[in-house]
Amino acid sequence: TVDGRAIREEPITLLEGENVITKEFIDDAGNKLPITWTITLDSIAPAVVLTSSDLTNNPAYTLTYTVDGVAKTEAITLTEGENLIQKEFIDDAGNKTPITWTITLDSVAPVVALTSPILTNNPSYTLTYTVDVVGKTEAITLTEGENLIQKDILDDAGNNTPVSWTVTLDSIAPIVALTSPLVTNNNTYTLIYT
């Protein structure tokens, strides 16, 4: 309104960002009033970026993300497996960004199974085992006798399975001694040895 008179409308084409509108109003007495308005056009939906991990082993999860660069935090309780998080972000101009995130809770330690033999005569030993059914291989040099192999097996979520395996290297041929006589007069002979 101008001096309480009827509303005046004027169509204006805005550009993205700030638009400075300058006008001068003159009443019937010749008084002038210069006016400057800044009208902002924001037609861009907010940019939303997940900054917390989408895989965790902790059900007490802190969801962190940014909205147009501004950090946000929420506490969420997860259930085992995939958790679907859906949100809609609306900025001051009314632009909307719908978001769907899948956060996986894996609190189960990996299942580890040794698949190579625990007794060998070869010091160049290939240790084979599975982690959650996925095969793994390592080259190990053994020393004579028992070899203790200890490992911490971590999965992608940070769950730990400590393992301890004993692999024995026996590269010494058996010692055999004949204890029955070398000469006999009996064709039914009993061979005795240790």
N, C-alpha and C. Protein backbone atom coordinates (compact mmCIF):
# COMPACT_ATOMS: atom_id res chain seq x y z
N THR A 1 0.84 -1.19 0.00
CA THR A 1 0.00 0.00 0.00
C THR A 1 0.88 1.24 0.00
N VAL A 2 0.38 2.30 -0.50
CA VAL A 2 1.05 3.60 -0.49
C VAL A 2 0.10 4.58 0.17
N ASP A 3 0.49 5.10 1.34
CA ASP A 3 -0.37 5.99 2.12
C ASP A 3 -1.75 5.37 2.36
N GLY A 4 -1.77 4.07 2.60
CA GLY A 4 -3.02 3.39 2.90
C GLY A 4 -3.91 3.15 1.71
N ARG A 5 -3.47 3.48 0.54
CA ARG A 5 -4.30 3.27 -0.66
C ARG A 5 -4.25 1.80 -1.08
N ALA A 6 -5.03 1.48 -2.08
CA ALA A 6 -5.19 0.10 -2.51
C ALA A 6 -3.84 -0.55 -2.84
N ILE A 7 -3.79 -1.88 -2.63
CA ILE A 7 -2.59 -2.64 -2.93
C ILE A 7 -2.30 -2.57 -4.43
N ARG A 8 -1.05 -2.35 -4.72
CA ARG A 8 -0.62 -2.34 -6.11
C ARG A 8 0.19 -3.60 -6.39
N GLU A 9 0.00 -4.17 -7.52
CA GLU A 9 0.72 -5.38 -7.91
C GLU A 9 1.52 -5.11 -9.16
N GLU A 10 2.69 -5.70 -9.17
CA GLU A 10 3.56 -5.51 -10.33
C GLU A 10 4.33 -6.80 -10.57
N PRO A 11 4.13 -7.46 -11.71
CA PRO A 11 4.87 -8.70 -11.97
C PRO A 11 6.35 -8.42 -12.21
N ILE A 12 7.20 -9.24 -11.62
CA ILE A 12 8.66 -9.10 -11.76
C ILE A 12 9.24 -10.48 -11.99
N THR A 13 10.15 -10.60 -12.92
CA THR A 13 10.87 -11.85 -13.14
C THR A 13 12.16 -11.83 -12.32
N LEU A 14 12.25 -12.78 -11.40
CA LEU A 14 13.41 -12.83 -10.51
C LEU A 14 14.48 -13.75 -11.06
N LEU A 15 15.71 -13.48 -10.68
CA LEU A 15 16.84 -14.35 -10.95
C LEU A 15 17.20 -15.10 -9.68
N GLU A 16 17.85 -16.24 -9.82
CA GLU A 16 18.27 -17.00 -8.65
C GLU A 16 19.18 -16.15 -7.78
N GLY A 17 18.89 -16.15 -6.47
CA GLY A 17 19.68 -15.35 -5.55
C GLY A 17 18.97 -14.06 -5.19
N GLU A 18 19.75 -13.07 -4.77
CA GLU A 18 19.17 -11.80 -4.34
C GLU A 18 18.83 -10.90 -5.54
N ASN A 19 17.67 -10.31 -5.50
CA ASN A 19 17.22 -9.37 -6.52
C ASN A 19 16.90 -8.04 -5.81
N VAL A 20 17.64 -7.01 -6.19
CA VAL A 20 17.44 -5.69 -5.58
C VAL A 20 16.43 -4.90 -6.41
N ILE A 21 15.35 -4.49 -5.76
CA ILE A 21 14.29 -3.72 -6.43
C ILE A 21 14.28 -2.32 -5.83
N THR A 22 14.52 -1.32 -6.69
CA THR A 22 14.55 0.06 -6.25
C THR A 22 13.40 0.83 -6.91
N LYS A 23 12.63 1.54 -6.09
CA LYS A 23 11.50 2.31 -6.63
C LYS A 23 11.45 3.65 -5.89
N GLU A 24 10.81 4.61 -6.53
CA GLU A 24 10.60 5.91 -5.91
C GLU A 24 9.10 6.24 -5.99
N PHE A 25 8.56 6.58 -4.83
CA PHE A 25 7.14 6.89 -4.76
C PHE A 25 6.96 8.39 -4.51
N ILE A 26 6.03 9.01 -5.23
CA ILE A 26 5.77 10.45 -5.12
C ILE A 26 4.27 10.63 -4.85
N ASP A 27 3.98 11.35 -3.75
CA ASP A 27 2.56 11.58 -3.46
C ASP A 27 2.05 12.81 -4.22
N ASP A 28 0.77 13.13 -4.02
CA ASP A 28 0.15 14.23 -4.77
C ASP A 28 0.79 15.58 -4.46
N ALA A 29 1.44 15.68 -3.28
CA ALA A 29 2.07 16.95 -2.91
C ALA A 29 3.49 17.06 -3.43
N GLY A 30 3.95 15.98 -4.09
CA GLY A 30 5.30 16.00 -4.64
C GLY A 30 6.36 15.44 -3.72
N ASN A 31 5.96 14.89 -2.57
CA ASN A 31 6.92 14.29 -1.65
C ASN A 31 7.42 12.97 -2.24
N LYS A 32 8.73 12.76 -2.09
CA LYS A 32 9.35 11.57 -2.69
C LYS A 32 9.82 10.60 -1.59
N LEU A 33 9.64 9.35 -1.87
CA LEU A 33 10.13 8.31 -0.96
C LEU A 33 10.85 7.24 -1.78
N PRO A 34 12.19 7.22 -1.75
CA PRO A 34 12.92 6.15 -2.43
C PRO A 34 12.88 4.87 -1.56
N ILE A 35 12.67 3.76 -2.19
CA ILE A 35 12.58 2.47 -1.49
C ILE A 35 13.47 1.46 -2.21
N THR A 36 14.16 0.65 -1.40
CA THR A 36 14.94 -0.47 -1.95
C THR A 36 14.53 -1.73 -1.20
N TRP A 37 14.10 -2.73 -1.96
CA TRP A 37 13.78 -4.03 -1.39
C TRP A 37 14.72 -5.08 -1.98
N THR A 38 15.07 -6.07 -1.17
CA THR A 38 15.86 -7.22 -1.66
C THR A 38 15.00 -8.45 -1.58
N ILE A 39 14.68 -9.00 -2.73
CA ILE A 39 13.85 -10.22 -2.82
C ILE A 39 14.76 -11.36 -3.26
N THR A 40 14.77 -12.43 -2.48
CA THR A 40 15.65 -13.58 -2.77
C THR A 40 14.85 -14.70 -3.41
N LEU A 41 15.34 -15.14 -4.56
CA LEU A 41 14.78 -16.34 -5.20
C LEU A 41 15.67 -17.53 -4.86
N ASP A 42 15.11 -18.49 -4.16
CA ASP A 42 15.82 -19.74 -3.84
C ASP A 42 14.96 -20.87 -4.36
N SER A 43 15.34 -21.41 -5.52
CA SER A 43 14.58 -22.51 -6.12
C SER A 43 15.34 -23.82 -6.04
N ILE A 44 16.42 -23.82 -5.24
CA ILE A 44 17.28 -25.00 -5.15
C ILE A 44 16.95 -25.76 -3.87
N ALA A 45 16.65 -27.04 -4.02
CA ALA A 45 16.34 -27.88 -2.86
C ALA A 45 17.58 -28.02 -1.99
N PRO A 46 17.40 -28.19 -0.67
CA PRO A 46 18.56 -28.31 0.21
C PRO A 46 19.42 -29.53 -0.13
N ALA A 47 20.74 -29.32 -0.03
CA ALA A 47 21.69 -30.42 -0.27
C ALA A 47 21.91 -31.15 1.05
N VAL A 48 21.58 -32.43 1.06
CA VAL A 48 21.66 -33.23 2.28
C VAL A 48 22.70 -34.33 2.08
N VAL A 49 23.66 -34.42 3.01
CA VAL A 49 24.74 -35.41 2.90
C VAL A 49 24.85 -36.17 4.22
N LEU A 50 24.79 -37.50 4.13
CA LEU A 50 25.00 -38.35 5.31
C LEU A 50 26.49 -38.35 5.65
N THR A 51 26.82 -38.09 6.92
CA THR A 51 28.23 -38.07 7.33
C THR A 51 28.57 -39.17 8.32
N SER A 52 27.57 -39.82 8.90
CA SER A 52 27.85 -40.98 9.77
C SER A 52 27.92 -42.24 8.92
N SER A 53 28.53 -43.28 9.48
CA SER A 53 28.70 -44.54 8.76
C SER A 53 27.35 -45.21 8.53
N ASP A 54 27.21 -45.89 7.41
CA ASP A 54 25.97 -46.63 7.16
C ASP A 54 26.07 -48.09 7.62
N LEU A 55 27.18 -48.39 8.35
CA LEU A 55 27.36 -49.73 8.93
C LEU A 55 27.93 -49.55 10.33
N THR A 56 27.29 -50.19 11.32
CA THR A 56 27.72 -50.05 12.70
C THR A 56 27.45 -51.34 13.46
N ASN A 57 28.14 -51.51 14.60
CA ASN A 57 27.85 -52.65 15.47
C ASN A 57 27.20 -52.20 16.78
N ASN A 58 26.78 -50.92 16.83
CA ASN A 58 26.20 -50.35 18.03
C ASN A 58 24.75 -49.95 17.77
N PRO A 59 23.79 -50.55 18.50
CA PRO A 59 22.37 -50.17 18.27
C PRO A 59 22.06 -48.74 18.68
N ALA A 60 22.85 -48.17 19.59
CA ALA A 60 22.66 -46.76 19.96
C ALA A 60 23.45 -45.92 18.97
N TYR A 61 22.78 -45.57 17.89
CA TYR A 61 23.43 -44.97 16.72
C TYR A 61 23.23 -43.47 16.70
N THR A 62 24.30 -42.75 16.38
CA THR A 62 24.20 -41.31 16.20
C THR A 62 24.20 -41.01 14.71
N LEU A 63 23.05 -40.59 14.21
CA LEU A 63 22.89 -40.21 12.80
C LEU A 63 23.41 -38.78 12.64
N THR A 64 24.41 -38.60 11.80
CA THR A 64 24.92 -37.25 11.53
C THR A 64 24.86 -36.99 10.03
N TYR A 65 24.50 -35.75 9.70
CA TYR A 65 24.38 -35.35 8.30
C TYR A 65 24.48 -33.84 8.22
N THR A 66 24.62 -33.34 7.00
CA THR A 66 24.63 -31.90 6.79
C THR A 66 23.47 -31.51 5.88
N VAL A 67 22.90 -30.35 6.16
CA VAL A 67 21.87 -29.76 5.31
C VAL A 67 22.40 -28.41 4.85
N ASP A 68 22.71 -28.33 3.56
CA ASP A 68 23.36 -27.12 3.01
C ASP A 68 24.59 -26.74 3.82
N GLY A 69 25.37 -27.77 4.20
CA GLY A 69 26.63 -27.55 4.90
C GLY A 69 26.51 -27.40 6.40
N VAL A 70 25.29 -27.35 6.94
CA VAL A 70 25.09 -27.19 8.38
C VAL A 70 24.94 -28.58 9.02
N ALA A 71 25.78 -28.87 10.02
CA ALA A 71 25.78 -30.19 10.64
C ALA A 71 24.54 -30.41 11.49
N LYS A 72 23.99 -31.63 11.41
CA LYS A 72 22.83 -32.03 12.20
C LYS A 72 23.13 -33.38 12.85
N THR A 73 22.53 -33.62 14.00
CA THR A 73 22.76 -34.87 14.74
C THR A 73 21.45 -35.37 15.32
N GLU A 74 21.24 -36.70 15.24
CA GLU A 74 20.07 -37.33 15.84
C GLU A 74 20.47 -38.65 16.47
N ALA A 75 19.90 -38.97 17.61
CA ALA A 75 20.11 -40.27 18.25
C ALA A 75 19.02 -41.23 17.78
N ILE A 76 19.44 -42.42 17.32
CA ILE A 76 18.50 -43.41 16.79
C ILE A 76 18.85 -44.77 17.37
N THR A 77 17.84 -45.55 17.73
CA THR A 77 18.05 -46.93 18.18
C THR A 77 17.79 -47.86 17.00
N LEU A 78 18.82 -48.62 16.64
CA LEU A 78 18.74 -49.52 15.49
C LEU A 78 18.37 -50.92 15.93
N THR A 79 17.79 -51.68 14.99
CA THR A 79 17.57 -53.11 15.19
C THR A 79 18.53 -53.86 14.28
N GLU A 80 18.80 -55.11 14.63
CA GLU A 80 19.76 -55.91 13.86
C GLU A 80 19.33 -56.00 12.39
N GLY A 81 20.29 -55.79 11.49
CA GLY A 81 20.02 -55.83 10.06
C GLY A 81 19.88 -54.43 9.49
N GLU A 82 19.16 -54.32 8.39
CA GLU A 82 19.01 -53.04 7.70
C GLU A 82 17.90 -52.19 8.36
N ASN A 83 18.21 -50.92 8.56
CA ASN A 83 17.26 -49.96 9.12
C ASN A 83 17.04 -48.84 8.10
N LEU A 84 15.80 -48.69 7.66
CA LEU A 84 15.46 -47.68 6.66
C LEU A 84 15.10 -46.37 7.37
N ILE A 85 15.81 -45.31 7.04
CA ILE A 85 15.54 -43.99 7.62
C ILE A 85 15.10 -43.07 6.49
N GLN A 86 13.88 -42.57 6.59
CA GLN A 86 13.32 -41.69 5.57
C GLN A 86 13.00 -40.33 6.20
N LYS A 87 13.44 -39.28 5.54
CA LYS A 87 13.22 -37.93 6.05
C LYS A 87 12.95 -37.00 4.86
N GLU A 88 12.32 -35.88 5.16
CA GLU A 88 12.11 -34.84 4.15
C GLU A 88 12.60 -33.51 4.72
N PHE A 89 13.46 -32.87 3.98
CA PHE A 89 14.04 -31.60 4.42
C PHE A 89 13.45 -30.47 3.60
N ILE A 90 12.98 -29.42 4.29
CA ILE A 90 12.34 -28.26 3.65
C ILE A 90 13.09 -27.01 4.08
N ASP A 91 13.55 -26.24 3.11
CA ASP A 91 14.25 -25.00 3.45
C ASP A 91 13.25 -23.86 3.64
N ASP A 92 13.77 -22.67 3.96
CA ASP A 92 12.90 -21.52 4.26
C ASP A 92 12.06 -21.10 3.05
N ALA A 93 12.53 -21.43 1.84
CA ALA A 93 11.78 -21.06 0.64
C ALA A 93 10.74 -22.11 0.27
N GLY A 94 10.72 -23.23 1.01
CA GLY A 94 9.74 -24.27 0.74
C GLY A 94 10.24 -25.37 -0.18
N ASN A 95 11.51 -25.33 -0.58
CA ASN A 95 12.07 -26.40 -1.41
C ASN A 95 12.24 -27.66 -0.57
N LYS A 96 11.95 -28.81 -1.18
CA LYS A 96 11.97 -30.08 -0.46
C LYS A 96 13.03 -31.03 -1.01
N THR A 97 13.68 -31.74 -0.09
CA THR A 97 14.59 -32.82 -0.46
C THR A 97 14.19 -34.06 0.32
N PRO A 98 13.56 -35.05 -0.35
CA PRO A 98 13.27 -36.32 0.34
C PRO A 98 14.53 -37.19 0.36
N ILE A 99 14.76 -37.86 1.47
CA ILE A 99 15.97 -38.66 1.65
C ILE A 99 15.60 -40.03 2.19
N THR A 100 16.27 -41.05 1.69
CA THR A 100 16.16 -42.40 2.25
C THR A 100 17.58 -42.93 2.48
N TRP A 101 17.87 -43.27 3.72
CA TRP A 101 19.17 -43.87 4.06
C TRP A 101 18.93 -45.27 4.62
N THR A 102 19.83 -46.18 4.30
CA THR A 102 19.79 -47.53 4.88
C THR A 102 21.00 -47.69 5.78
N ILE A 103 20.75 -47.83 7.07
CA ILE A 103 21.80 -48.00 8.07
C ILE A 103 21.74 -49.45 8.56
N THR A 104 22.86 -50.16 8.46
CA THR A 104 22.89 -51.57 8.83
C THR A 104 23.53 -51.75 10.20
N LEU A 105 22.81 -52.43 11.09
CA LEU A 105 23.36 -52.83 12.38
C LEU A 105 23.82 -54.27 12.28
N ASP A 106 25.13 -54.47 12.46
CA ASP A 106 25.71 -55.82 12.48
C ASP A 106 26.46 -55.95 13.79
N SER A 107 25.82 -56.58 14.78
CA SER A 107 26.45 -56.74 16.09
C SER A 107 26.94 -58.17 16.32
N VAL A 108 26.94 -58.97 15.26
CA VAL A 108 27.32 -60.38 15.36
C VAL A 108 28.78 -60.54 14.94
N ALA A 109 29.57 -61.12 15.83
CA ALA A 109 30.99 -61.34 15.52
C ALA A 109 31.11 -62.35 14.37
N PRO A 110 32.16 -62.21 13.56
CA PRO A 110 32.31 -63.13 12.42
C PRO A 110 32.55 -64.57 12.87
N VAL A 111 32.03 -65.50 12.09
CA VAL A 111 32.24 -66.93 12.34
C VAL A 111 33.50 -67.35 11.59
N VAL A 112 34.48 -67.85 12.35
CA VAL A 112 35.79 -68.19 11.77
C VAL A 112 36.01 -69.69 11.91
N ALA A 113 36.43 -70.33 10.82
CA ALA A 113 36.68 -71.77 10.85
C ALA A 113 38.00 -72.07 10.14
N LEU A 114 38.88 -72.82 10.81
CA LEU A 114 40.14 -73.26 10.20
C LEU A 114 39.86 -74.38 9.22
N THR A 115 40.43 -74.28 8.01
CA THR A 115 40.18 -75.31 6.99
C THR A 115 41.47 -76.02 6.57
N SER A 116 42.64 -75.51 6.94
CA SER A 116 43.89 -76.20 6.63
C SER A 116 44.23 -77.18 7.75
N PRO A 117 45.06 -78.22 7.47
CA PRO A 117 45.36 -79.22 8.50
C PRO A 117 46.19 -78.63 9.64
N ILE A 118 46.04 -79.20 10.84
CA ILE A 118 46.80 -78.73 12.00
C ILE A 118 48.10 -79.52 12.19
N LEU A 119 48.37 -80.47 11.29
CA LEU A 119 49.61 -81.25 11.32
C LEU A 119 50.18 -81.30 9.91
N THR A 120 51.46 -80.94 9.79
CA THR A 120 52.09 -80.92 8.47
C THR A 120 53.57 -81.25 8.61
N ASN A 121 54.18 -81.67 7.49
CA ASN A 121 55.62 -81.91 7.49
C ASN A 121 56.35 -80.85 6.66
N ASN A 122 55.64 -79.81 6.27
CA ASN A 122 56.20 -78.77 5.41
C ASN A 122 56.23 -77.45 6.18
N PRO A 123 57.44 -76.89 6.38
CA PRO A 123 57.51 -75.61 7.11
C PRO A 123 56.89 -74.45 6.34
N SER A 124 56.79 -74.57 5.02
CA SER A 124 56.11 -73.53 4.22
C SER A 124 54.62 -73.87 4.21
N TYR A 125 53.94 -73.33 5.18
CA TYR A 125 52.57 -73.74 5.47
C TYR A 125 51.59 -72.70 4.92
N THR A 126 50.53 -73.20 4.30
CA THR A 126 49.46 -72.32 3.84
C THR A 126 48.29 -72.43 4.81
N LEU A 127 48.10 -71.34 5.56
CA LEU A 127 46.99 -71.27 6.52
C LEU A 127 45.73 -70.89 5.75
N THR A 128 44.71 -71.72 5.81
CA THR A 128 43.45 -71.40 5.15
C THR A 128 42.33 -71.48 6.18
N TYR A 129 41.42 -70.52 6.07
CA TYR A 129 40.30 -70.46 6.99
C TYR A 129 39.18 -69.67 6.33
N THR A 130 38.01 -69.74 6.91
CA THR A 130 36.87 -68.97 6.39
C THR A 130 36.43 -67.96 7.44
N VAL A 131 35.99 -66.81 6.95
CA VAL A 131 35.39 -65.78 7.79
C VAL A 131 33.99 -65.52 7.24
N ASP A 132 32.99 -65.94 8.00
CA ASP A 132 31.61 -65.88 7.52
C ASP A 132 31.50 -66.53 6.14
N VAL A 133 32.11 -67.70 6.02
CA VAL A 133 32.07 -68.58 4.84
C VAL A 133 32.94 -68.06 3.69
N VAL A 134 33.59 -66.93 3.84
CA VAL A 134 34.47 -66.40 2.80
C VAL A 134 35.89 -66.91 3.06
N GLY A 135 36.48 -67.55 2.03
CA GLY A 135 37.80 -68.14 2.19
C GLY A 135 38.91 -67.11 2.30
N LYS A 136 39.89 -67.41 3.18
CA LYS A 136 41.07 -66.58 3.38
C LYS A 136 42.30 -67.47 3.35
N THR A 137 43.42 -66.92 2.89
CA THR A 137 44.67 -67.68 2.77
C THR A 137 45.84 -66.82 3.23
N GLU A 138 46.76 -67.46 3.98
CA GLU A 138 47.99 -66.78 4.39
C GLU A 138 49.15 -67.76 4.33
N ALA A 139 50.30 -67.25 3.92
CA ALA A 139 51.53 -68.06 3.91
C ALA A 139 52.25 -67.86 5.25
N ILE A 140 52.61 -68.96 5.90
CA ILE A 140 53.27 -68.92 7.21
C ILE A 140 54.45 -69.89 7.19
N THR A 141 55.56 -69.48 7.79
CA THR A 141 56.72 -70.35 7.96
C THR A 141 56.69 -70.93 9.36
N LEU A 142 56.62 -72.27 9.44
CA LEU A 142 56.51 -72.94 10.73
C LEU A 142 57.89 -73.35 11.24
N THR A 143 57.98 -73.49 12.55
CA THR A 143 59.17 -74.07 13.16
C THR A 143 58.80 -75.46 13.67
N GLU A 144 59.80 -76.30 13.87
CA GLU A 144 59.54 -77.67 14.29
C GLU A 144 58.77 -77.69 15.61
N GLY A 145 57.74 -78.53 15.65
CA GLY A 145 56.93 -78.65 16.84
C GLY A 145 55.63 -77.85 16.71
N GLU A 146 55.10 -77.47 17.87
CA GLU A 146 53.83 -76.75 17.88
C GLU A 146 54.04 -75.26 17.58
N ASN A 147 53.18 -74.73 16.73
CA ASN A 147 53.20 -73.31 16.37
C ASN A 147 51.84 -72.71 16.73
N LEU A 148 51.87 -71.73 17.63
CA LEU A 148 50.63 -71.07 18.06
C LEU A 148 50.35 -69.89 17.15
N ILE A 149 49.19 -69.91 16.52
CA ILE A 149 48.77 -68.83 15.63
C ILE A 149 47.57 -68.14 16.26
N GLN A 150 47.74 -66.88 16.60
CA GLN A 150 46.67 -66.10 17.22
C GLN A 150 46.33 -64.91 16.35
N LYS A 151 45.06 -64.71 16.17
CA LYS A 151 44.61 -63.63 15.30
C LYS A 151 43.33 -63.00 15.88
N ASP A 152 43.14 -61.73 15.57
CA ASP A 152 41.86 -61.05 15.82
C ASP A 152 41.21 -60.82 14.47
N ILE A 153 40.07 -61.44 14.25
CA ILE A 153 39.37 -61.32 12.99
C ILE A 153 38.26 -60.28 13.15
N LEU A 154 38.39 -59.17 12.42
CA LEU A 154 37.42 -58.08 12.49
C LEU A 154 36.56 -58.06 11.22
N ASP A 155 35.26 -57.86 11.39
CA ASP A 155 34.42 -57.65 10.21
C ASP A 155 34.29 -56.16 9.93
N ASP A 156 33.58 -55.82 8.87
CA ASP A 156 33.48 -54.42 8.45
C ASP A 156 32.77 -53.54 9.49
N ALA A 157 31.96 -54.16 10.33
CA ALA A 157 31.25 -53.39 11.35
C ALA A 157 32.07 -53.21 12.62
N GLY A 158 33.25 -53.85 12.67
CA GLY A 158 34.12 -53.72 13.84
C GLY A 158 33.96 -54.82 14.87
N ASN A 159 33.14 -55.84 14.58
CA ASN A 159 33.00 -56.97 15.50
C ASN A 159 34.25 -57.83 15.44
N ASN A 160 34.69 -58.34 16.60
CA ASN A 160 35.96 -59.05 16.70
C ASN A 160 35.74 -60.49 17.12
N THR A 161 36.44 -61.41 16.43
CA THR A 161 36.49 -62.80 16.85
C THR A 161 37.96 -63.17 17.05
N PRO A 162 38.40 -63.32 18.30
CA PRO A 162 39.79 -63.77 18.52
C PRO A 162 39.88 -65.28 18.29
N VAL A 163 40.92 -65.71 17.59
CA VAL A 163 41.12 -67.15 17.34
C VAL A 163 42.54 -67.53 17.76
N SER A 164 42.67 -68.78 18.16
CA SER A 164 43.97 -69.34 18.53
C SER A 164 44.04 -70.75 17.97
N TRP A 165 44.97 -70.95 17.05
CA TRP A 165 45.15 -72.26 16.44
C TRP A 165 46.56 -72.78 16.73
N THR A 166 46.68 -74.08 16.94
CA THR A 166 47.99 -74.71 17.10
C THR A 166 48.22 -75.62 15.91
N VAL A 167 49.26 -75.28 15.14
CA VAL A 167 49.63 -76.08 13.97
C VAL A 167 50.99 -76.71 14.25
N THR A 168 51.07 -78.01 14.11
CA THR A 168 52.30 -78.74 14.43
C THR A 168 53.08 -79.08 13.17
N LEU A 169 54.36 -78.72 13.19
CA LEU A 169 55.28 -79.11 12.12
C LEU A 169 56.08 -80.31 12.61
N ASP A 170 55.93 -81.43 11.91
CA ASP A 170 56.70 -82.65 12.20
C ASP A 170 57.38 -83.06 10.91
N SER A 171 58.66 -82.64 10.79
CA SER A 171 59.40 -82.93 9.56
C SER A 171 60.44 -84.03 9.77
N ILE A 172 60.35 -84.72 10.92
CA ILE A 172 61.32 -85.78 11.25
C ILE A 172 60.69 -87.12 10.91
N ALA A 173 61.42 -87.88 10.09
CA ALA A 173 60.93 -89.20 9.70
C ALA A 173 60.88 -90.11 10.92
N PRO A 174 59.96 -91.07 10.93
CA PRO A 174 59.87 -91.97 12.09
C PRO A 174 61.13 -92.83 12.23
N ILE A 175 61.50 -93.15 13.48
CA ILE A 175 62.62 -94.05 13.78
C ILE A 175 62.06 -95.44 13.97
N VAL A 176 62.57 -96.38 13.16
CA VAL A 176 62.07 -97.76 13.19
C VAL A 176 63.22 -98.68 13.56
N ALA A 177 62.97 -99.55 14.55
CA ALA A 177 64.02 -100.51 14.97
C ALA A 177 63.43 -101.92 14.96
N LEU A 178 64.14 -102.83 14.29
CA LEU A 178 63.72 -104.23 14.23
C LEU A 178 64.14 -104.90 15.54
N THR A 179 63.18 -105.58 16.16
CA THR A 179 63.49 -106.27 17.43
C THR A 179 63.37 -107.79 17.30
N SER A 180 62.84 -108.32 16.22
CA SER A 180 62.79 -109.78 16.02
C SER A 180 64.12 -110.23 15.41
N PRO A 181 64.49 -111.48 15.57
CA PRO A 181 65.81 -111.96 15.09
C PRO A 181 65.93 -111.87 13.58
N LEU A 182 67.20 -111.67 13.15
CA LEU A 182 67.49 -111.59 11.72
C LEU A 182 67.63 -112.98 11.09
N VAL A 183 67.88 -113.97 11.93
CA VAL A 183 68.06 -115.34 11.43
C VAL A 183 67.07 -116.24 12.16
N THR A 184 66.39 -117.10 11.41
CA THR A 184 65.41 -118.00 12.01
C THR A 184 65.39 -119.32 11.26
N ASN A 185 64.94 -120.37 11.93
CA ASN A 185 64.78 -121.68 11.26
C ASN A 185 63.31 -122.01 11.07
N ASN A 186 62.46 -121.01 11.32
CA ASN A 186 61.01 -121.23 11.24
C ASN A 186 60.45 -120.40 10.10
N ASN A 187 59.78 -121.13 9.18
CA ASN A 187 59.23 -120.37 8.04
C ASN A 187 58.00 -119.55 8.44
N THR A 188 57.45 -119.78 9.61
CA THR A 188 56.39 -118.92 10.13
C THR A 188 57.05 -117.92 11.06
N TYR A 189 57.35 -116.78 10.50
CA TYR A 189 58.17 -115.76 11.18
C TYR A 189 57.31 -114.63 11.70
N THR A 190 57.59 -114.17 12.87
CA THR A 190 56.89 -113.01 13.44
C THR A 190 57.84 -111.82 13.37
N LEU A 191 57.49 -110.90 12.55
CA LEU A 191 58.29 -109.68 12.42
C LEU A 191 57.90 -108.74 13.55
N ILE A 192 58.91 -108.35 14.34
CA ILE A 192 58.66 -107.46 15.46
C ILE A 192 59.56 -106.25 15.34
N TYR A 193 58.95 -105.09 15.47
CA TYR A 193 59.72 -103.83 15.36
C TYR A 193 59.02 -102.76 16.18
N THR A 194 59.80 -101.69 16.41
CA THR A 194 59.23 -100.55 17.12
C THR A 194 59.35 -99.33 16.23
